[in-house]
Amino acid sequence: MTGSIQGTKNNVNKFLDSFEKYNWLWKKKIDKELALFNEKNPQLEDFEGKLSEFALNEAEVGTIMIQHQIGALSLKTNNVKTGLQKWIVLWKDAYAKDLLKKAQTHIDNLTEEIKHIRLKIEKPAKDIDSLGNVMSALEEIRKKQSTIEIEFRPVIEMYNLLENYLDDEDINKEGNKDPSQIINKDWNELVAQAVQVRNGLQGEQSEFKKTLIVGVKVLVEDVVHFRKNFEENGPMVSGIEPKEALNRLKL
């Protein structure tokens, strides 16, 4: 009887030891481990590896039988399975929501950049300087059209990954934006607006050219008058005091 009891005890301990591989779930601190993870500047594939690892653990726990027979004992595992799965979900959600935050920050930066460019092209071109600013913004949009897809791709890949590990409610709550909304709406609207501005400026091109020619002519005359005045009344005129010469030079 003693041998039988000892044998049963050993088998029970062996069964309990099989759960030790999950002890990191409660022995380690989620926030601390996530901070250490982010210190290494993780890329998308690093997050994917972690989330995949949590998903595998969750699936493995799901395969545990609801009861385990050892001799005359029937060990029920419902509470153990539920507890382990809750811990795994906590870890998985922490990493997934951290990635979601990074994706949202990336989107906010892109949105702000688009907004900044839009403000540039919305300013009326009243003179040569303001026209130059608008033309510079239009050129910036033209160049960015060839790279915008590359800039959006990481965000889209983040969201595609998160769809496998977070509910739609978690992804879309608190104003989180669908990246396709920016591509199909904000950016396309900016490009359409740029075309309108460019067409409008082409209609005013002759007027700006006339203003520029007149301005250059006036500038040339001003330079001639300035040079003449400098030679006749400037600091190099003979017979004036050094202090007066300095004041004329500053003037």
Protein backbone atom coordinates (compact mmCIF):
# COMPACT_ATOMS: atom_id res chain seq x y z
CA MET A 1 0.00 0.00 0.00
CA THR A 2 2.87 2.37 0.89
CA GLY A 3 4.58 1.63 -2.41
CA SER A 4 1.33 2.16 -4.30
CA ILE A 5 0.71 5.51 -2.59
CA GLN A 6 4.30 6.63 -3.21
CA GLY A 7 4.04 5.64 -6.85
CA THR A 8 0.82 7.60 -7.21
CA LYS A 9 2.44 10.59 -5.49
CA ASN A 10 5.39 10.47 -7.88
CA ASN A 11 3.07 10.37 -10.87
CA VAL A 12 1.07 13.31 -9.52
CA ASN A 13 4.26 15.35 -8.99
CA LYS A 14 5.41 14.44 -12.48
CA PHE A 15 2.09 15.63 -13.89
CA LEU A 16 2.31 18.88 -11.93
CA ASP A 17 5.89 19.42 -13.13
CA SER A 18 4.62 19.39 -16.70
CA PHE A 19 3.07 22.81 -16.00
CA GLU A 20 6.34 24.36 -14.84
CA LYS A 21 7.25 25.37 -18.38
CA TYR A 22 4.46 27.96 -18.12
CA ASN A 23 5.71 29.52 -14.87
CA TRP A 24 7.16 32.51 -16.79
CA LEU A 25 3.57 33.65 -17.27
CA TRP A 26 3.27 34.71 -13.63
CA LYS A 27 6.90 34.88 -12.50
CA LYS A 28 7.88 37.56 -15.03
CA LYS A 29 6.34 41.05 -15.18
CA ILE A 30 4.63 41.87 -18.45
CA ASP A 31 5.48 45.60 -18.38
CA LYS A 32 9.13 44.96 -17.57
CA GLU A 33 9.54 42.31 -20.27
CA LEU A 34 7.80 44.52 -22.83
CA ALA A 35 10.11 47.43 -21.96
CA LEU A 36 13.17 45.20 -22.38
CA PHE A 37 11.77 43.98 -25.69
CA ASN A 38 11.30 47.56 -26.96
CA GLU A 39 14.82 48.55 -25.92
CA LYS A 40 16.09 46.34 -28.75
CA ASN A 41 14.17 48.43 -31.31
CA PRO A 42 12.07 45.45 -32.49
CA GLN A 43 10.93 45.21 -36.10
CA LEU A 44 7.61 43.85 -37.30
CA GLU A 45 9.00 40.32 -37.64
CA ASP A 46 10.07 40.45 -33.97
CA PHE A 47 6.53 41.28 -32.89
CA GLU A 48 5.23 38.58 -35.19
CA GLY A 49 7.57 36.04 -33.57
CA LYS A 50 6.41 36.97 -30.06
CA LEU A 51 2.71 36.95 -30.92
CA SER A 52 3.11 33.65 -32.75
CA GLU A 53 4.82 32.21 -29.68
CA PHE A 54 1.91 33.26 -27.45
CA ALA A 55 -0.58 31.78 -29.92
CA LEU A 56 1.30 28.45 -29.91
CA ASN A 57 1.30 28.38 -26.11
CA GLU A 58 -2.42 29.13 -26.10
CA ALA A 59 -3.09 26.31 -28.55
CA GLU A 60 -0.90 23.95 -26.52
CA VAL A 61 -2.80 24.72 -23.33
CA GLY A 62 -6.02 24.08 -25.20
CA THR A 63 -4.94 20.49 -25.89
CA ILE A 64 -4.64 19.66 -22.18
CA MET A 65 -7.26 17.07 -21.25
CA ILE A 66 -9.97 18.31 -18.90
CA GLN A 67 -9.11 15.46 -16.53
CA HIS A 68 -6.07 13.31 -15.97
CA GLN A 69 -6.35 9.82 -14.51
CA ILE A 70 -3.62 8.57 -12.15
CA GLY A 71 -4.52 5.31 -10.50
CA ALA A 72 -7.60 5.91 -8.41
CA LEU A 73 -7.22 9.68 -8.76
CA SER A 74 -8.96 11.78 -11.38
CA LEU A 75 -7.29 15.19 -11.60
CA LYS A 76 -9.46 17.92 -13.13
CA THR A 77 -7.59 20.58 -15.12
CA ASN A 78 -10.39 23.02 -15.99
CA ASN A 79 -9.24 25.73 -13.57
CA VAL A 80 -5.58 25.28 -14.52
CA LYS A 81 -6.37 25.56 -18.23
CA THR A 82 -8.54 28.63 -17.69
CA GLY A 83 -5.89 30.31 -15.57
CA LEU A 84 -3.08 29.63 -18.03
CA GLN A 85 -5.15 30.83 -20.97
CA LYS A 86 -6.02 34.08 -19.16
CA TRP A 87 -2.33 34.70 -18.45
CA ILE A 88 -1.38 34.04 -22.07
CA VAL A 89 -4.09 36.41 -23.30
CA LEU A 90 -2.73 39.13 -21.00
CA TRP A 91 0.75 38.74 -22.47
CA LYS A 92 -0.51 38.53 -26.03
CA ASP A 93 -2.74 41.60 -25.67
CA ALA A 94 0.08 43.64 -24.10
CA TYR A 95 2.41 43.04 -27.06
CA ALA A 96 -0.34 43.39 -29.66
CA LYS A 97 -1.61 46.68 -28.23
CA ASP A 98 1.94 48.01 -28.06
CA LEU A 99 2.30 47.26 -31.77
CA LEU A 100 -1.08 48.89 -32.38
CA LYS A 101 0.13 52.02 -30.62
CA LYS A 102 3.21 52.12 -32.87
CA ALA A 103 1.03 51.71 -35.96
CA GLN A 104 -1.25 54.53 -34.81
CA THR A 105 1.76 56.79 -34.18
CA HIS A 106 3.01 56.06 -37.69
CA ILE A 107 -0.40 56.91 -39.12
CA ASP A 108 -0.61 60.13 -37.09
CA ASN A 109 2.80 61.21 -38.41
CA LEU A 110 1.76 60.54 -42.00
CA THR A 111 -1.55 62.31 -41.48
CA GLU A 112 0.23 65.33 -40.01
CA GLU A 113 2.65 65.39 -42.95
CA ILE A 114 -0.23 65.34 -45.44
CA LYS A 115 -1.98 68.09 -43.49
CA HIS A 116 1.19 70.21 -43.49
CA ILE A 117 1.58 69.89 -47.28
CA ARG A 118 -2.12 70.72 -47.78
CA LEU A 119 -1.72 73.95 -45.81
CA LYS A 120 1.12 74.96 -48.13
CA ILE A 121 -0.86 74.56 -51.34
CA GLU A 122 -3.97 76.18 -49.86
CA LYS A 123 -2.17 79.48 -49.29
CA PRO A 124 -3.08 81.91 -52.09
CA ALA A 125 -0.24 82.85 -54.43
CA LYS A 126 -0.38 86.64 -54.15
CA ASP A 127 3.21 87.37 -55.12
CA ILE A 128 6.39 85.72 -56.40
CA ASP A 129 7.47 84.51 -52.94
CA SER A 130 4.13 82.88 -52.09
CA LEU A 131 4.01 81.41 -55.60
CA GLY A 132 7.43 79.85 -55.01
CA ASN A 133 6.17 78.24 -51.78
CA VAL A 134 3.14 76.78 -53.53
CA MET A 135 5.23 75.46 -56.42
CA SER A 136 7.66 73.91 -53.94
CA ALA A 137 4.76 72.12 -52.21
CA LEU A 138 3.43 70.85 -55.56
CA GLU A 139 6.88 69.50 -56.40
CA GLU A 140 7.02 67.81 -52.97
CA ILE A 141 3.71 66.04 -53.71
CA ARG A 142 4.95 64.94 -57.13
CA LYS A 143 8.10 63.39 -55.66
CA LYS A 144 6.22 61.80 -52.78
CA GLN A 145 3.82 59.99 -55.11
CA SER A 146 6.60 57.57 -56.01
CA THR A 147 7.39 56.73 -52.37
CA ILE A 148 4.06 57.05 -50.57
CA GLU A 149 3.19 53.36 -51.01
CA ILE A 150 6.52 52.40 -49.41
CA GLU A 151 5.75 54.66 -46.44
CA PHE A 152 2.27 53.19 -46.00
CA ARG A 153 3.31 49.56 -46.40
CA PRO A 154 4.72 49.06 -42.86
CA VAL A 155 1.48 50.37 -41.33
CA ILE A 156 -0.66 48.11 -43.49
CA GLU A 157 1.51 45.12 -42.58
CA MET A 158 1.15 45.98 -38.88
CA TYR A 159 -2.63 46.05 -39.16
CA ASN A 160 -2.70 42.84 -41.17
CA LEU A 161 -0.73 41.14 -38.41
CA LEU A 162 -2.88 42.61 -35.64
CA GLU A 163 -6.05 41.31 -37.27
CA ASN A 164 -4.85 37.82 -36.34
CA TYR A 165 -4.32 38.63 -32.66
CA LEU A 166 -6.74 41.43 -31.73
CA ASP A 167 -10.49 41.80 -32.06
CA ASP A 168 -11.79 44.38 -34.53
CA GLU A 169 -13.25 46.26 -31.57
CA ASP A 170 -9.79 46.66 -30.00
CA ILE A 171 -8.23 47.74 -33.31
CA ASN A 172 -10.87 50.33 -34.18
CA LYS A 173 -11.66 51.81 -30.77
CA GLU A 174 -10.35 55.20 -29.59
CA GLY A 175 -10.25 56.55 -33.13
CA ASN A 176 -7.66 54.16 -34.52
CA LYS A 177 -7.65 54.68 -38.27
CA ASP A 178 -7.75 52.11 -41.00
CA PRO A 179 -4.58 52.76 -43.02
CA SER A 180 -6.54 52.35 -46.25
CA GLN A 181 -8.56 55.40 -45.18
CA ILE A 182 -5.44 57.53 -45.48
CA ILE A 183 -4.36 56.00 -48.78
CA ASN A 184 -7.78 56.18 -50.44
CA LYS A 185 -9.02 59.41 -48.88
CA ASP A 186 -6.50 61.81 -47.36
CA TRP A 187 -3.69 61.26 -49.86
CA ASN A 188 -5.90 60.99 -52.96
CA GLU A 189 -7.75 64.14 -51.93
CA LEU A 190 -4.43 65.94 -51.55
CA VAL A 191 -3.29 64.82 -55.02
CA ALA A 192 -6.62 65.93 -56.57
CA GLN A 193 -6.33 69.30 -54.81
CA ALA A 194 -2.74 69.67 -56.08
CA VAL A 195 -3.93 69.14 -59.66
CA GLN A 196 -6.56 71.86 -59.24
CA VAL A 197 -4.02 74.28 -57.79
CA ARG A 198 -1.53 73.53 -60.57
CA ASN A 199 -4.20 74.11 -63.25
CA GLY A 200 -5.21 77.37 -61.57
CA LEU A 201 -1.64 78.61 -61.47
CA GLN A 202 -1.15 77.85 -65.14
CA GLY A 203 -4.01 80.23 -65.91
CA GLU A 204 -2.29 82.98 -63.90
CA GLN A 205 1.16 82.25 -65.31
CA SER A 206 1.22 85.21 -67.73
CA GLU A 207 0.22 87.67 -65.01
CA PHE A 208 2.94 86.41 -62.66
CA LYS A 209 5.48 86.62 -65.48
CA LYS A 210 4.49 90.23 -66.20
CA THR A 211 4.79 91.09 -62.50
CA LEU A 212 8.20 89.43 -62.36
CA ILE A 213 9.51 91.36 -65.39
CA VAL A 214 8.31 94.67 -63.93
CA GLY A 215 9.79 93.77 -60.55
CA VAL A 216 13.19 92.96 -62.08
CA LYS A 217 13.18 96.26 -64.01
CA VAL A 218 12.39 98.20 -60.85
CA LEU A 219 15.10 96.31 -58.97
CA VAL A 220 17.71 97.19 -61.63
CA GLU A 221 16.75 100.88 -61.40
CA ASP A 222 16.87 100.75 -57.61
CA VAL A 223 20.34 99.21 -57.69
CA VAL A 224 21.58 101.95 -60.05
CA HIS A 225 20.17 104.69 -57.80
CA PHE A 226 21.58 102.99 -54.71
CA ARG A 227 25.04 102.72 -56.25
CA LYS A 228 25.01 106.35 -57.32
CA ASN A 229 23.85 107.49 -53.88
CA PHE A 230 26.49 105.29 -52.21
CA GLU A 231 29.27 106.85 -54.26
CA GLU A 232 28.04 110.43 -53.77
CA ASN A 233 26.89 110.28 -50.16
CA GLY A 234 28.35 107.06 -48.77
CA PRO A 235 31.11 106.39 -46.20
CA MET A 236 33.92 106.81 -48.76
CA VAL A 237 33.23 110.53 -49.34
CA SER A 238 36.37 112.48 -48.47
CA GLY A 239 36.46 114.97 -45.64
CA ILE A 240 33.93 113.31 -43.26
CA GLU A 241 34.61 112.16 -39.73
CA PRO A 242 35.15 108.42 -39.06
CA LYS A 243 32.03 108.34 -36.88
CA GLU A 244 29.94 109.85 -39.67
CA ALA A 245 31.46 107.37 -42.14
CA LEU A 246 30.48 104.48 -39.84
CA ASN A 247 26.92 105.75 -39.56
CA ARG A 248 26.66 106.08 -43.36
CA LEU A 249 28.03 102.54 -43.75
CA LYS A 250 25.38 101.16 -41.38
CA LEU A 251 22.70 103.17 -43.18
